[in-house]
């Protein structure tokens, strides 16, 4: 039977997972089996710089916390898993997807985004969304096109007025 100390540590870990779930808009479940310690550490640092957190928990403890929050990932919780928690929705998905493209040992299994289950197809769609800066650039480009067209029209109108007015 588990000692009181061991049981207390397990309860603390379950509570830690619950707290992370309460503060996260995105939860990703990834398989990292086969990655080197350095590769996992680099991924963890990249995620940390974007405000995300990668943790490895025992599936049984994570499952207890997930059930407590009515999150059903039982079918995906086989083998060693890492859990990525983030307040940001897009950034961790893009980052993990990029790393997974380069490293065949990293596989995104499933996730929860804004309280909704997300399969790999949905996560892939989120990963294809341009970055915030990219969206701003696209928006600015659209605005500039309208301003350019307006300036051409005003210039043509001014030339018409200079050449005799009402032609």
Foldseek 3Di string as FASTA:
>chain_A
DDDPVRVVVLVVVLVVLLVLVVQFQKKWKKQQPPPDPVLVVVLQVQQVVVAKHKAWDQLVSNVVSCVVVVHDPVVPPDDTIIMMGHNDAQVNLLSLVVSCVVDVSMGTAWMHGRNHTGGPVRSVVSNPDDDPVVVVVVVVVVVVVVVVVVVVVVVVQVVCCVVPRDD
